């Protein structure tokens, strides 16, 4: 089944330095995205409640974005990307999440990101 691209935006009251650390380091990702994260070269292994998934780091732009592709999606044009945007007028920090999901799983996928970002907010105190 074909996956559909979607984008979510979350306003976060934090610095870009703190947010970027949470997006690409094993310790940062373990605080909000997964129970534990291991990295070997560009392969990140995420652990949740006894299950694990691996994703390849496709690109990272310092203080701007990280882009991963799940191992199961290798050879496809599917990825998930987290981009930091700062409003030049207000200096408000936003996290833009770009991901893909099958149509019948779209609402669950969005809810999963909303719950993860709620965990992120708690871990960075915003």
N, C-alpha and C. Protein backbone atom coordinates (compact mmCIF):
# COMPACT_ATOMS: atom_id res chain seq x y z
N UNK A 1 0.84 -1.19 0.00
CA UNK A 1 0.00 0.00 0.00
C UNK A 1 0.88 1.25 0.00
N UNK A 2 0.49 2.24 -0.75
CA UNK A 2 1.25 3.48 -0.87
C UNK A 2 1.11 4.34 0.38
N UNK A 3 2.21 4.99 0.75
CA UNK A 3 2.19 5.88 1.90
C UNK A 3 2.02 7.32 1.42
N UNK A 4 1.40 8.12 2.29
CA UNK A 4 1.11 9.52 2.01
C UNK A 4 1.99 10.39 2.89
N UNK A 5 2.56 11.41 2.29
CA UNK A 5 3.41 12.35 3.03
C UNK A 5 2.54 13.31 3.84
N UNK A 6 2.96 13.59 5.07
CA UNK A 6 2.28 14.59 5.88
C UNK A 6 3.30 15.38 6.68
N UNK A 7 2.87 16.54 7.16
CA UNK A 7 3.75 17.42 7.90
C UNK A 7 3.01 17.96 9.12
N UNK A 8 3.71 17.99 10.24
CA UNK A 8 3.15 18.52 11.48
C UNK A 8 4.08 19.60 12.01
N UNK A 9 3.52 20.63 12.62
CA UNK A 9 4.33 21.70 13.19
C UNK A 9 4.02 21.84 14.67
N UNK A 10 5.08 21.93 15.47
CA UNK A 10 4.96 22.05 16.92
C UNK A 10 5.80 23.25 17.37
N UNK A 11 5.17 24.18 18.09
CA UNK A 11 5.89 25.32 18.65
C UNK A 11 6.48 24.88 19.99
N UNK A 12 7.78 25.12 20.16
CA UNK A 12 8.47 24.70 21.37
C UNK A 12 9.20 25.89 21.98
N UNK A 13 9.03 26.07 23.27
CA UNK A 13 9.67 27.16 23.98
C UNK A 13 11.03 26.69 24.48
N UNK A 14 12.00 26.62 23.55
CA UNK A 14 13.33 26.15 23.88
C UNK A 14 14.33 26.76 22.91
N UNK A 15 15.60 26.50 23.16
CA UNK A 15 16.63 27.00 22.25
C UNK A 15 16.87 25.98 21.14
N UNK A 16 17.39 26.44 20.03
CA UNK A 16 17.70 25.53 18.93
C UNK A 16 18.81 24.56 19.32
N UNK A 17 19.72 24.99 20.17
CA UNK A 17 20.82 24.12 20.62
C UNK A 17 20.30 22.92 21.38
N UNK A 18 19.42 23.17 22.33
CA UNK A 18 18.84 22.07 23.12
C UNK A 18 18.01 21.17 22.23
N UNK A 19 17.19 21.76 21.38
CA UNK A 19 16.31 20.98 20.51
C UNK A 19 17.12 20.11 19.55
N UNK A 20 18.15 20.66 18.94
CA UNK A 20 18.95 19.89 18.00
C UNK A 20 19.61 18.69 18.68
N UNK A 21 20.08 18.87 19.90
CA UNK A 21 20.68 17.76 20.65
C UNK A 21 19.65 16.63 20.85
N UNK A 22 18.41 17.00 21.08
CA UNK A 22 17.35 16.02 21.29
C UNK A 22 16.97 15.27 20.02
N UNK A 23 17.31 15.82 18.87
CA UNK A 23 16.91 15.24 17.59
C UNK A 23 17.92 14.27 17.00
N UNK A 24 19.18 14.37 17.39
CA UNK A 24 20.17 13.54 16.69
C UNK A 24 21.11 12.73 17.59
N UNK A 25 21.16 13.01 18.88
CA UNK A 25 22.06 12.23 19.74
C UNK A 25 21.30 11.07 20.35
N UNK A 26 21.97 9.95 20.60
CA UNK A 26 21.29 8.81 21.24
C UNK A 26 20.68 9.19 22.59
N UNK A 27 21.41 9.96 23.39
CA UNK A 27 20.89 10.35 24.70
C UNK A 27 19.68 11.28 24.56
N UNK A 28 19.74 12.21 23.59
CA UNK A 28 18.61 13.11 23.37
C UNK A 28 17.38 12.38 22.88
N UNK A 29 17.55 11.49 21.92
CA UNK A 29 16.42 10.72 21.38
C UNK A 29 15.85 9.76 22.43
N UNK A 30 16.70 9.27 23.33
CA UNK A 30 16.23 8.35 24.39
C UNK A 30 15.37 9.06 25.42
N UNK A 31 15.46 10.37 25.48
CA UNK A 31 14.66 11.13 26.44
C UNK A 31 13.20 11.27 26.02
N UNK A 32 12.92 11.14 24.71
CA UNK A 32 11.55 11.42 24.28
C UNK A 32 11.04 10.54 23.14
N UNK A 33 11.92 10.04 22.29
CA UNK A 33 11.48 9.34 21.09
C UNK A 33 11.40 7.83 21.27
N UNK A 34 12.32 7.28 22.03
CA UNK A 34 12.37 5.83 22.24
C UNK A 34 12.87 5.57 23.66
N UNK A 35 12.72 4.32 24.10
CA UNK A 35 13.21 3.96 25.43
C UNK A 35 14.73 3.97 25.47
N UNK A 36 15.35 3.56 24.37
CA UNK A 36 16.80 3.54 24.26
C UNK A 36 17.17 3.67 22.79
N UNK A 37 18.36 4.20 22.52
CA UNK A 37 18.83 4.38 21.15
C UNK A 37 20.31 4.03 21.09
N UNK A 38 20.67 3.21 20.13
CA UNK A 38 22.07 2.90 19.86
C UNK A 38 22.41 3.39 18.47
N UNK A 39 23.66 3.84 18.30
CA UNK A 39 24.11 4.33 16.99
C UNK A 39 25.39 3.62 16.61
N UNK A 40 25.42 3.13 15.38
CA UNK A 40 26.61 2.53 14.81
C UNK A 40 26.78 3.14 13.42
N UNK A 41 27.78 4.02 13.28
CA UNK A 41 27.96 4.82 12.06
C UNK A 41 26.69 5.63 11.83
N UNK A 42 26.00 5.41 10.71
CA UNK A 42 24.78 6.16 10.43
C UNK A 42 23.52 5.35 10.68
N UNK A 43 23.64 4.20 11.33
CA UNK A 43 22.47 3.36 11.65
C UNK A 43 22.07 3.58 13.10
N UNK A 44 20.83 4.00 13.29
CA UNK A 44 20.27 4.23 14.62
C UNK A 44 19.31 3.07 14.90
N UNK A 45 19.45 2.44 16.05
CA UNK A 45 18.52 1.40 16.47
C UNK A 45 17.72 1.95 17.64
N UNK A 46 16.40 1.95 17.47
CA UNK A 46 15.48 2.48 18.47
C UNK A 46 14.80 1.32 19.18
N UNK A 47 14.73 1.38 20.50
CA UNK A 47 14.13 0.32 21.30
C UNK A 47 12.90 0.86 22.03
N UNK A 48 11.78 0.11 21.94
CA UNK A 48 10.54 0.42 22.65
C UNK A 48 9.97 -0.86 23.22
N UNK A 49 9.71 -0.91 24.49
CA UNK A 49 8.98 -2.02 25.12
C UNK A 49 9.28 -3.38 24.50
N UNK A 50 10.53 -3.73 24.39
CA UNK A 50 10.89 -5.05 23.89
C UNK A 50 10.97 -5.18 22.38
N UNK A 51 10.62 -4.14 21.63
CA UNK A 51 10.75 -4.20 20.17
C UNK A 51 11.83 -3.21 19.74
N UNK A 52 12.31 -3.41 18.53
CA UNK A 52 13.33 -2.49 18.02
C UNK A 52 13.13 -2.25 16.53
N UNK A 53 13.53 -1.06 16.10
CA UNK A 53 13.48 -0.67 14.70
C UNK A 53 14.78 0.06 14.39
N UNK A 54 15.30 -0.13 13.19
CA UNK A 54 16.51 0.55 12.78
C UNK A 54 16.20 1.54 11.67
N UNK A 55 16.92 2.66 11.71
CA UNK A 55 16.77 3.70 10.70
C UNK A 55 18.14 4.24 10.34
N UNK A 56 18.30 4.55 9.08
CA UNK A 56 19.56 5.13 8.60
C UNK A 56 19.45 6.64 8.64
N UNK A 57 20.49 7.28 9.16
CA UNK A 57 20.56 8.74 9.12
C UNK A 57 20.93 9.13 7.69
N UNK A 58 19.99 9.74 6.98
CA UNK A 58 20.23 10.13 5.60
C UNK A 58 20.95 11.46 5.49
N UNK A 59 20.59 12.38 6.39
CA UNK A 59 21.17 13.72 6.33
C UNK A 59 21.00 14.40 7.68
N UNK A 60 22.01 15.19 8.02
CA UNK A 60 21.88 16.03 9.20
C UNK A 60 22.51 17.37 8.87
N UNK A 61 21.76 18.43 9.14
CA UNK A 61 22.25 19.79 8.97
C UNK A 61 22.34 20.40 10.36
N UNK A 62 23.54 20.73 10.75
CA UNK A 62 23.76 21.21 12.11
C UNK A 62 22.81 22.35 12.47
N UNK A 63 22.15 22.18 13.59
CA UNK A 63 21.21 23.15 14.17
C UNK A 63 19.97 23.39 13.30
N UNK A 64 19.75 22.53 12.27
CA UNK A 64 18.61 22.72 11.38
C UNK A 64 17.70 21.51 11.26
N UNK A 65 18.28 20.33 10.91
CA UNK A 65 17.40 19.20 10.63
C UNK A 65 18.14 17.87 10.69
N UNK A 66 17.35 16.82 10.86
CA UNK A 66 17.83 15.45 10.73
C UNK A 66 16.80 14.68 9.91
N UNK A 67 17.31 13.78 9.07
CA UNK A 67 16.44 13.02 8.18
C UNK A 67 16.84 11.55 8.27
N UNK A 68 15.86 10.70 8.58
CA UNK A 68 16.07 9.27 8.74
C UNK A 68 15.21 8.49 7.75
N UNK A 69 15.63 7.25 7.50
CA UNK A 69 14.79 6.33 6.74
C UNK A 69 14.77 5.00 7.48
N UNK A 70 13.56 4.52 7.78
CA UNK A 70 13.43 3.23 8.43
C UNK A 70 14.01 2.14 7.53
N UNK A 71 14.62 1.17 8.13
CA UNK A 71 15.22 0.06 7.38
C UNK A 71 14.19 -0.63 6.49
N UNK A 72 12.96 -0.74 6.97
CA UNK A 72 11.87 -1.37 6.21
C UNK A 72 11.51 -0.59 4.95
N UNK A 73 11.86 0.71 4.91
CA UNK A 73 11.53 1.56 3.77
C UNK A 73 12.68 1.72 2.79
N UNK A 74 13.78 0.98 3.01
CA UNK A 74 14.94 1.09 2.14
C UNK A 74 14.54 0.81 0.69
N UNK A 75 15.04 1.64 -0.20
CA UNK A 75 14.70 1.50 -1.62
C UNK A 75 13.44 2.26 -2.01
N UNK A 76 12.77 2.84 -1.04
CA UNK A 76 11.56 3.64 -1.29
C UNK A 76 11.90 5.11 -1.07
N UNK A 77 10.98 5.99 -1.41
CA UNK A 77 11.17 7.42 -1.19
C UNK A 77 10.55 7.88 0.13
N UNK A 78 10.42 6.98 1.10
CA UNK A 78 9.82 7.31 2.39
C UNK A 78 10.92 7.62 3.39
N UNK A 79 10.65 8.60 4.27
CA UNK A 79 11.61 9.02 5.29
C UNK A 79 10.84 9.72 6.40
N UNK A 80 11.54 10.04 7.47
CA UNK A 80 10.98 10.99 8.42
C UNK A 80 12.05 12.02 8.73
N UNK A 81 11.62 13.27 8.76
CA UNK A 81 12.55 14.38 8.93
C UNK A 81 12.03 15.31 10.01
N UNK A 82 12.95 15.81 10.81
CA UNK A 82 12.61 16.78 11.85
C UNK A 82 13.43 18.03 11.57
N UNK A 83 12.74 19.14 11.34
CA UNK A 83 13.38 20.39 10.94
C UNK A 83 13.07 21.48 11.97
N UNK A 84 14.11 22.21 12.35
CA UNK A 84 13.95 23.32 13.28
C UNK A 84 13.79 24.60 12.47
N UNK A 85 12.74 25.35 12.76
CA UNK A 85 12.54 26.64 12.11
C UNK A 85 12.39 27.71 13.18
N UNK A 86 13.05 28.83 12.96
CA UNK A 86 12.94 29.96 13.88
C UNK A 86 12.29 31.11 13.14
N UNK A 87 11.20 31.63 13.69
CA UNK A 87 10.51 32.76 13.09
C UNK A 87 11.41 34.00 13.24
N UNK A 88 11.77 34.64 12.14
CA UNK A 88 12.69 35.79 12.23
C UNK A 88 12.11 36.99 12.97
N UNK A 89 10.79 37.09 13.02
CA UNK A 89 10.16 38.24 13.69
C UNK A 89 10.01 38.01 15.19
N UNK A 90 9.63 36.79 15.57
CA UNK A 90 9.33 36.53 16.98
C UNK A 90 10.39 35.68 17.69
N UNK A 91 11.30 35.10 16.91
CA UNK A 91 12.29 34.14 17.44
C UNK A 91 11.65 32.89 18.02
N UNK A 92 10.40 32.64 17.67
CA UNK A 92 9.70 31.45 18.12
C UNK A 92 10.27 30.22 17.41
N UNK A 93 10.55 29.17 18.20
CA UNK A 93 11.14 27.95 17.66
C UNK A 93 10.03 26.95 17.34
N UNK A 94 10.06 26.42 16.13
CA UNK A 94 9.09 25.41 15.71
C UNK A 94 9.84 24.16 15.26
N UNK A 95 9.26 23.02 15.56
CA UNK A 95 9.76 21.74 15.07
C UNK A 95 8.78 21.26 14.01
N UNK A 96 9.28 21.09 12.79
CA UNK A 96 8.46 20.60 11.68
C UNK A 96 8.80 19.13 11.48
N UNK A 97 7.78 18.28 11.58
CA UNK A 97 7.97 16.84 11.37
C UNK A 97 7.35 16.48 10.03
N UNK A 98 8.15 15.85 9.18
CA UNK A 98 7.67 15.34 7.90
C UNK A 98 7.78 13.82 7.96
N UNK A 99 6.70 13.13 7.64
CA UNK A 99 6.69 11.67 7.73
C UNK A 99 5.72 11.13 6.68
N UNK A 100 5.67 9.82 6.58
CA UNK A 100 4.78 9.14 5.65
C UNK A 100 4.00 8.07 6.40
N UNK A 101 2.74 7.88 6.00
CA UNK A 101 1.92 6.81 6.57
C UNK A 101 0.90 6.35 5.54
N UNK A 102 0.47 5.11 5.70
CA UNK A 102 -0.61 4.62 4.85
C UNK A 102 -1.88 5.34 5.25
N UNK A 103 -2.79 5.49 4.30
CA UNK A 103 -4.00 6.28 4.53
C UNK A 103 -4.78 5.81 5.76
N UNK A 104 -4.92 4.51 5.92
CA UNK A 104 -5.70 3.99 7.06
C UNK A 104 -4.94 4.05 8.38
N UNK A 105 -3.68 4.45 8.35
CA UNK A 105 -2.88 4.58 9.58
C UNK A 105 -2.51 6.02 9.88
N UNK A 106 -3.00 6.96 9.07
CA UNK A 106 -2.61 8.36 9.17
C UNK A 106 -2.91 8.96 10.55
N UNK A 107 -4.12 8.78 11.04
CA UNK A 107 -4.49 9.38 12.33
C UNK A 107 -3.64 8.81 13.47
N UNK A 108 -3.41 7.50 13.45
CA UNK A 108 -2.56 6.87 14.47
C UNK A 108 -1.13 7.40 14.39
N UNK A 109 -0.62 7.59 13.19
CA UNK A 109 0.74 8.09 13.00
C UNK A 109 0.87 9.52 13.55
N UNK A 110 -0.12 10.35 13.26
CA UNK A 110 -0.10 11.73 13.77
C UNK A 110 -0.20 11.74 15.29
N UNK A 111 -1.04 10.90 15.85
CA UNK A 111 -1.19 10.81 17.30
C UNK A 111 0.11 10.35 17.96
N UNK A 112 0.80 9.42 17.32
CA UNK A 112 2.08 8.96 17.84
C UNK A 112 3.08 10.11 17.90
N UNK A 113 3.14 10.94 16.86
CA UNK A 113 4.03 12.10 16.88
C UNK A 113 3.61 13.09 17.96
N UNK A 114 2.32 13.34 18.09
CA UNK A 114 1.84 14.28 19.11
C UNK A 114 2.23 13.80 20.50
N UNK A 115 2.11 12.51 20.76
CA UNK A 115 2.51 11.95 22.05
C UNK A 115 4.02 12.06 22.25
N UNK A 116 4.77 11.78 21.20
CA UNK A 116 6.23 11.89 21.29
C UNK A 116 6.66 13.33 21.57
N UNK A 117 6.04 14.28 20.90
CA UNK A 117 6.39 15.69 21.11
C UNK A 117 5.98 16.13 22.51
N UNK A 118 4.91 15.57 23.03
CA UNK A 118 4.54 15.85 24.42
C UNK A 118 5.65 15.36 25.37
N UNK A 119 6.20 14.20 25.08
CA UNK A 119 7.33 13.69 25.87
C UNK A 119 8.54 14.61 25.72
N UNK A 120 8.77 15.10 24.51
CA UNK A 120 9.88 16.03 24.27
C UNK A 120 9.71 17.30 25.09
N UNK A 121 8.50 17.83 25.08
CA UNK A 121 8.23 19.05 25.87
C UNK A 121 8.55 18.82 27.35
N UNK A 122 8.15 17.68 27.87
CA UNK A 122 8.42 17.36 29.29
C UNK A 122 9.92 17.23 29.54
N UNK A 123 10.63 16.58 28.62
CA UNK A 123 12.06 16.33 28.85
C UNK A 123 12.88 17.62 28.79
N UNK A 124 12.45 18.60 27.98
CA UNK A 124 13.21 19.85 27.92
C UNK A 124 12.57 20.96 28.76
N UNK A 125 11.47 20.66 29.40
CA UNK A 125 10.86 21.61 30.33
C UNK A 125 10.17 22.78 29.67
N UNK A 126 9.49 22.53 28.55
CA UNK A 126 8.76 23.64 27.93
C UNK A 126 7.30 23.31 27.75
